[in-house]
Structures are given as C-alpha cells and as structure tokens.
C-alpha cells in the first residue's frame, strides 16, 4: 500500500497545494510528529497520482516568470481517500526502535555505559516532550477544538505524541531504577 498517496490526498483535499507546500507540511507541521516524507518521495508520488487521475495539476504564474504546479484532488481521488479513511486495517507490526534493541543487548555493556545511554535518551525524550507540550500550548492552549475540524485532528495526534513521549520517559525511569538495584 502506498500510504504516502493517502497522506498527500488528505492534504490536497483540505486545499490545493504545490509540491513545495506538501513537502513543507511533512517537515514543519504537526504531521511531522507521526509521519514524514522527503521531497524526493513527494514529487514522484505526485506524478503517479496525476497519471492515476487522483489529482490534477494546474500551472500558475507567481510574479512575472515563476511557474508553479498547483495540485487539486479529483472526485476519483476524494473517493479513494474516503475509502482509505473508512478502512479497518489490522494492527501494523511494532515500529523498530534502535535504542530498545541496544537495551535488549545491554548485557554487553558495563553499568556505566548503560547508565550513560539511559541518561542520554532521557534527555532527548525530555526535550522532545517539552517541544510537544509547548506546541500544544501555542496552537491549542491545551483545549480540544471542535470535532470535525482540521485543528481537532491535529490536536488528537499531538496529544498522542505527548502521551508517547511521557510513556517512553516513564519506561526510561523504570530502566534507571533497575540499574540502581
């Protein structure tokens, strides 16, 4: 399944966008908290989607000479997006976590090396947690927006990211306690 296709369809369904706008959404918006794509992935996908009739492309002039391609969703694209949104997929495999793999093989580390890894990860996850909490405060003032709005979806995903980081931090503290015994 080409999940990137559906992420792009969702973005374009909200409003027509350029490839640059789409790539920016993947890298600088709440979307980046759970999904990302590079421009080298986005542009080939836009070409495939245009060929499949899921989106259309209109050349618009910006300034005097600069041409930009503005992508819009077609009825076929909207139908495919709706079908994907309503699908009941099985639970995906557990995501890979390199740090947890290292912990799995921590019997090859000294206690000091293990503690160093734990403290390093703890600091990284605290920084990420703080960033997510600040983003929540800045964009939503810790108040859930009305259902059915773009902001509500963003809020729910951001809330999930905060909970994920909170849980990871709690797990790291548990690992520290084990190390101190």
C-alpha atoms as a PDB file:
ATOM      1  CA  UNK A   1       0.000   0.000   0.000  1.00  0.00           C
ATOM      2  CA  UNK A   2       1.262   3.470  -0.847  1.00  0.00           C
ATOM      3  CA  UNK A   3       0.342   5.266   2.368  1.00  0.00           C
ATOM      4  CA  UNK A   4       2.135   8.414   1.211  1.00  0.00           C
ATOM      5  CA  UNK A   5      -0.501   8.683  -1.527  1.00  0.00           C
ATOM      6  CA  UNK A   6      -3.242   8.957   1.087  1.00  0.00           C
ATOM      7  CA  UNK A   7      -1.327  11.478   3.178  1.00  0.00           C
ATOM      8  CA  UNK A   8      -0.945  13.663   0.083  1.00  0.00           C
ATOM      9  CA  UNK A   9      -4.595  13.188  -0.887  1.00  0.00           C
ATOM     10  CA  UNK A  10      -5.618  14.267   2.615  1.00  0.00           C
ATOM     11  CA  UNK A  11      -3.525  17.415   2.420  1.00  0.00           C
ATOM     12  CA  UNK A  12      -4.729  18.337  -1.064  1.00  0.00           C
ATOM     13  CA  UNK A  13      -8.322  17.586  -0.054  1.00  0.00           C
ATOM     14  CA  UNK A  14      -8.042  20.361   2.540  1.00  0.00           C
ATOM     15  CA  UNK A  15      -6.847  22.851  -0.067  1.00  0.00           C
ATOM     16  CA  UNK A  16      -4.967  22.878  -3.400  1.00  0.00           C
ATOM     17  CA  UNK A  17      -1.219  22.835  -2.790  1.00  0.00           C
ATOM     18  CA  UNK A  18       2.109  22.915  -4.603  1.00  0.00           C
ATOM     19  CA  UNK A  19       4.681  20.158  -4.188  1.00  0.00           C
ATOM     20  CA  UNK A  20       6.725  22.558  -2.091  1.00  0.00           C
ATOM     21  CA  UNK A  21       3.733  23.210   0.199  1.00  0.00           C
ATOM     22  CA  UNK A  22       3.163  19.470   0.621  1.00  0.00           C
ATOM     23  CA  UNK A  23       6.805  18.800   1.463  1.00  0.00           C
ATOM     24  CA  UNK A  24       6.765  21.673   3.948  1.00  0.00           C
ATOM     25  CA  UNK A  25       3.711  20.158   5.664  1.00  0.00           C
ATOM     26  CA  UNK A  26       5.571  16.876   6.131  1.00  0.00           C
ATOM     27  CA  UNK A  27       8.556  18.590   7.697  1.00  0.00           C
ATOM     28  CA  UNK A  28       7.268  21.529   9.703  1.00  0.00           C
ATOM     29  CA  UNK A  29       3.743  20.820  10.832  1.00  0.00           C
ATOM     30  CA  UNK A  30       2.106  18.545  13.381  1.00  0.00           C
ATOM     31  CA  UNK A  31       2.211  15.913  10.644  1.00  0.00           C
ATOM     32  CA  UNK A  32       5.945  15.569  11.295  1.00  0.00           C
ATOM     33  CA  UNK A  33       5.165  14.238  14.782  1.00  0.00           C
ATOM     34  CA  UNK A  34       3.972  10.940  13.318  1.00  0.00           C
ATOM     35  CA  UNK A  35       4.627  10.905   9.561  1.00  0.00           C
ATOM     36  CA  UNK A  36       7.307  12.333   7.337  1.00  0.00           C
ATOM     37  CA  UNK A  37       8.300  12.305   3.687  1.00  0.00           C
ATOM     38  CA  UNK A  38      11.166  13.824   1.767  1.00  0.00           C
ATOM     39  CA  UNK A  39      10.696  15.891  -1.351  1.00  0.00           C
ATOM     40  CA  UNK A  40      12.377  13.059  -3.280  1.00  0.00           C
ATOM     41  CA  UNK A  41       9.377  10.901  -2.295  1.00  0.00           C
ATOM     42  CA  UNK A  42       6.656  13.520  -2.699  1.00  0.00           C
ATOM     43  CA  UNK A  43       7.298  14.581  -6.309  1.00  0.00           C
ATOM     44  CA  UNK A  44       7.356  11.072  -7.859  1.00  0.00           C
ATOM     45  CA  UNK A  45       4.180  10.262  -5.910  1.00  0.00           C
ATOM     46  CA  UNK A  46       2.501  13.415  -7.259  1.00  0.00           C
ATOM     47  CA  UNK A  47       3.359  12.275 -10.811  1.00  0.00           C
ATOM     48  CA  UNK A  48       1.890   8.799 -10.218  1.00  0.00           C
ATOM     49  CA  UNK A  49      -1.233  10.259  -8.640  1.00  0.00           C
ATOM     50  CA  UNK A  50      -1.708  12.614 -11.613  1.00  0.00           C
ATOM     51  CA  UNK A  51      -1.363   9.689 -14.040  1.00  0.00           C
ATOM     52  CA  UNK A  52      -3.910   7.706 -11.990  1.00  0.00           C
ATOM     53  CA  UNK A  53      -6.409  10.574 -12.192  1.00  0.00           C
ATOM     54  CA  UNK A  54      -6.471  11.122  -8.409  1.00  0.00           C
ATOM     55  CA  UNK A  55      -5.261  14.710  -8.665  1.00  0.00           C
ATOM     56  CA  UNK A  56      -4.985  17.382 -11.318  1.00  0.00           C
ATOM     57  CA  UNK A  57      -2.204  19.855 -11.867  1.00  0.00           C
ATOM     58  CA  UNK A  58      -2.615  23.480 -12.898  1.00  0.00           C
ATOM     59  CA  UNK A  59       0.310  25.714 -13.828  1.00  0.00           C
ATOM     60  CA  UNK A  60       0.072  29.066 -12.067  1.00  0.00           C
ATOM     61  CA  UNK A  61       2.332  32.053 -12.583  1.00  0.00           C
ATOM     62  CA  UNK A  62       3.807  33.650  -9.488  1.00  0.00           C
ATOM     63  CA  UNK A  63       5.421  37.009 -10.001  1.00  0.00           C
ATOM     64  CA  UNK A  64       6.457  37.678 -13.598  1.00  0.00           C
ATOM     65  CA  UNK A  65       8.023  34.386 -14.638  1.00  0.00           C
ATOM     66  CA  UNK A  66       7.937  31.748 -11.913  1.00  0.00           C
ATOM     67  CA  UNK A  67       5.676  28.839 -12.805  1.00  0.00           C
ATOM     68  CA  UNK A  68       4.308  26.621 -10.052  1.00  0.00           C
ATOM     69  CA  UNK A  69       2.241  23.461 -10.261  1.00  0.00           C
ATOM     70  CA  UNK A  70      -0.846  23.636  -8.093  1.00  0.00           C
ATOM     71  CA  UNK A  71      -2.368  20.242  -7.313  1.00  0.00           C
ATOM     72  CA  UNK A  72      -6.070  19.663  -6.626  1.00  0.00           C
ATOM     73  CA  UNK A  73      -7.930  16.487  -5.736  1.00  0.00           C
ATOM     74  CA  UNK A  74     -10.341  14.937  -8.253  1.00  0.00           C
ATOM     75  CA  UNK A  75     -13.611  13.187  -7.456  1.00  0.00           C
ATOM     76  CA  UNK A  76     -11.819   9.855  -8.022  1.00  0.00           C
ATOM     77  CA  UNK A  77      -9.114  10.954  -5.570  1.00  0.00           C
ATOM     78  CA  UNK A  78     -11.704  12.004  -2.998  1.00  0.00           C
ATOM     79  CA  UNK A  79     -13.476   8.631  -3.357  1.00  0.00           C
ATOM     80  CA  UNK A  80     -10.188   6.778  -2.845  1.00  0.00           C
ATOM     81  CA  UNK A  81      -9.308   8.926   0.158  1.00  0.00           C
ATOM     82  CA  UNK A  82     -12.727   8.284   1.713  1.00  0.00           C
ATOM     83  CA  UNK A  83     -12.436   4.519   1.152  1.00  0.00           C
ATOM     84  CA  UNK A  84      -8.978   4.537   2.768  1.00  0.00           C
ATOM     85  CA  UNK A  85     -10.181   6.627   5.717  1.00  0.00           C
ATOM     86  CA  UNK A  86     -13.010   4.186   6.392  1.00  0.00           C
ATOM     87  CA  UNK A  87     -10.893   1.004   6.032  1.00  0.00           C
ATOM     88  CA  UNK A  88     -10.424  -1.184   9.106  1.00  0.00           C
ATOM     89  CA  UNK A  89      -6.790  -2.258   8.850  1.00  0.00           C
ATOM     90  CA  UNK A  90      -5.161  -4.825  11.119  1.00  0.00           C
ATOM     91  CA  UNK A  91      -2.686  -3.591  13.713  1.00  0.00           C
ATOM     92  CA  UNK A  92       0.668  -2.946  11.984  1.00  0.00           C
ATOM     93  CA  UNK A  93       3.879  -4.543  13.237  1.00  0.00           C
ATOM     94  CA  UNK A  94       5.597  -2.844  16.159  1.00  0.00           C
ATOM     95  CA  UNK A  95       7.776   0.017  14.892  1.00  0.00           C
ATOM     96  CA  UNK A  96      11.519  -0.522  15.085  1.00  0.00           C
ATOM     97  CA  UNK A  97      13.321   1.226  17.940  1.00  0.00           C
ATOM     98  CA  UNK A  98      17.129   1.119  17.725  1.00  0.00           C
ATOM     99  CA  UNK A  99      17.572   2.252  21.332  1.00  0.00           C
ATOM    100  CA  UNK A 100      15.370  -0.580  22.650  1.00  0.00           C
ATOM    101  CA  UNK A 101      17.380  -3.026  20.553  1.00  0.00           C
ATOM    102  CA  UNK A 102      20.536  -1.738  22.224  1.00  0.00           C
ATOM    103  CA  UNK A 103      18.907  -2.163  25.641  1.00  0.00           C
ATOM    104  CA  UNK A 104      17.957  -5.713  24.666  1.00  0.00           C
ATOM    105  CA  UNK A 105      21.668  -6.408  24.258  1.00  0.00           C
ATOM    106  CA  UNK A 106      22.700  -4.353  27.284  1.00  0.00           C
ATOM    107  CA  UNK A 107      24.365  -7.423  28.794  1.00  0.00           C
ATOM    108  CA  UNK A 108      27.332  -6.462  26.606  1.00  0.00           C
ATOM    109  CA  UNK A 109      27.598  -3.024  28.285  1.00  0.00           C
ATOM    110  CA  UNK A 110      29.088  -2.036  31.576  1.00  0.00           C
ATOM    111  CA  UNK A 111      26.656  -0.497  34.104  1.00  0.00           C
ATOM    112  CA  UNK A 112      28.263   2.913  33.477  1.00  0.00           C
ATOM    113  CA  UNK A 113      27.834   2.584  29.703  1.00  0.00           C
ATOM    114  CA  UNK A 114      24.213   1.537  30.158  1.00  0.00           C
ATOM    115  CA  UNK A 115      23.543   4.422  32.524  1.00  0.00           C
ATOM    116  CA  UNK A 116      25.118   6.817  30.024  1.00  0.00           C
ATOM    117  CA  UNK A 117      22.804   5.556  27.278  1.00  0.00           C
ATOM    118  CA  UNK A 118      19.757   5.820  29.542  1.00  0.00           C
ATOM    119  CA  UNK A 119      20.574   9.375  30.612  1.00  0.00           C
ATOM    120  CA  UNK A 120      21.252  10.432  27.018  1.00  0.00           C
ATOM    121  CA  UNK A 121      17.905   9.039  25.838  1.00  0.00           C
ATOM    122  CA  UNK A 122      16.107  10.527  28.815  1.00  0.00           C
ATOM    123  CA  UNK A 123      17.418  13.989  27.935  1.00  0.00           C
ATOM    124  CA  UNK A 124      16.445  13.600  24.248  1.00  0.00           C
ATOM    125  CA  UNK A 125      12.925  12.474  25.127  1.00  0.00           C
ATOM    126  CA  UNK A 126      12.505  15.248  27.713  1.00  0.00           C
ATOM    127  CA  UNK A 127      13.460  17.820  25.065  1.00  0.00           C
ATOM    128  CA  UNK A 128      11.009  16.290  22.589  1.00  0.00           C
ATOM    129  CA  UNK A 129       8.283  16.121  25.265  1.00  0.00           C
ATOM    130  CA  UNK A 130       8.812  19.788  26.135  1.00  0.00           C
ATOM    131  CA  UNK A 131       8.667  20.755  22.454  1.00  0.00           C
ATOM    132  CA  UNK A 132       5.382  18.855  22.010  1.00  0.00           C
ATOM    133  CA  UNK A 133       3.861  20.388  25.149  1.00  0.00           C
ATOM    134  CA  UNK A 134       4.927  23.872  24.047  1.00  0.00           C
ATOM    135  CA  UNK A 135       3.411  23.227  20.610  1.00  0.00           C
ATOM    136  CA  UNK A 136       0.164  22.089  22.254  1.00  0.00           C
ATOM    137  CA  UNK A 137       0.038  25.228  24.379  1.00  0.00           C
ATOM    138  CA  UNK A 138       0.911  27.507  21.467  1.00  0.00           C
ATOM    139  CA  UNK A 139      -1.569  26.050  18.965  1.00  0.00           C
ATOM    140  CA  UNK A 140      -4.390  24.739  21.133  1.00  0.00           C
ATOM    141  CA  UNK A 141      -3.943  26.278  24.622  1.00  0.00           C
ATOM    142  CA  UNK A 142      -4.429  22.677  25.889  1.00  0.00           C
ATOM    143  CA  UNK A 143      -8.097  22.822  24.837  1.00  0.00           C
ATOM    144  CA  UNK A 144      -9.565  20.310  22.390  1.00  0.00           C
ATOM    145  CA  UNK A 145     -11.007  22.029  19.301  1.00  0.00           C
ATOM    146  CA  UNK A 146     -14.467  21.111  17.968  1.00  0.00           C
ATOM    147  CA  UNK A 147     -14.829  17.692  16.324  1.00  0.00           C
ATOM    148  CA  UNK A 148     -14.743  17.684  12.534  1.00  0.00           C
ATOM    149  CA  UNK A 149     -12.156  20.441  12.238  1.00  0.00           C
ATOM    150  CA  UNK A 150      -8.594  20.189  10.936  1.00  0.00           C
ATOM    151  CA  UNK A 151      -7.470  21.525  14.303  1.00  0.00           C
ATOM    152  CA  UNK A 152      -9.190  18.662  16.139  1.00  0.00           C
ATOM    153  CA  UNK A 153      -7.266  16.051  14.149  1.00  0.00           C
ATOM    154  CA  UNK A 154      -4.034  17.934  14.779  1.00  0.00           C
ATOM    155  CA  UNK A 155      -4.877  18.144  18.497  1.00  0.00           C
ATOM    156  CA  UNK A 156      -5.592  14.397  18.790  1.00  0.00           C
ATOM    157  CA  UNK A 157      -2.362  13.445  17.038  1.00  0.00           C
ATOM    158  CA  UNK A 158      -0.335  15.918  19.093  1.00  0.00           C
ATOM    159  CA  UNK A 159      -1.942  14.607  22.290  1.00  0.00           C
ATOM    160  CA  UNK A 160      -0.950  11.078  21.240  1.00  0.00           C
ATOM    161  CA  UNK A 161       2.636  12.207  20.601  1.00  0.00           C
ATOM    162  CA  UNK A 162       2.796  13.768  24.082  1.00  0.00           C
ATOM    163  CA  UNK A 163       1.465  10.560  25.635  1.00  0.00           C
ATOM    164  CA  UNK A 164       4.007   8.509  23.634  1.00  0.00           C
ATOM    165  CA  UNK A 165       6.885  10.615  24.948  1.00  0.00           C
ATOM    166  CA  UNK A 166       5.504  10.547  28.500  1.00  0.00           C
ATOM    167  CA  UNK A 167       5.338   6.764  28.364  1.00  0.00           C
ATOM    168  CA  UNK A 168       8.860   6.492  26.928  1.00  0.00           C
ATOM    169  CA  UNK A 169      10.213   8.732  29.706  1.00  0.00           C
ATOM    170  CA  UNK A 170       8.456   6.596  32.336  1.00  0.00           C
ATOM    171  CA  UNK A 171       9.993   3.463  30.811  1.00  0.00           C
ATOM    172  CA  UNK A 172      13.470   5.040  30.910  1.00  0.00           C
ATOM    173  CA  UNK A 173      12.962   5.869  34.601  1.00  0.00           C
ATOM    174  CA  UNK A 174      11.990   2.237  35.244  1.00  0.00           C
ATOM    175  CA  UNK A 175      15.196   1.115  33.494  1.00  0.00           C
ATOM    176  CA  UNK A 176      17.201   3.518  35.696  1.00  0.00           C
ATOM    177  CA  UNK A 177      15.607   2.064  38.846  1.00  0.00           C
ATOM    178  CA  UNK A 178      16.567  -1.440  37.727  1.00  0.00           C
ATOM    179  CA  UNK A 179      20.132  -0.300  37.164  1.00  0.00           C
ATOM    180  CA  UNK A 180      20.332   1.176  40.671  1.00  0.00           C
ATOM    181  CA  UNK A 181      19.396  -2.139  42.324  1.00  0.00           C
END
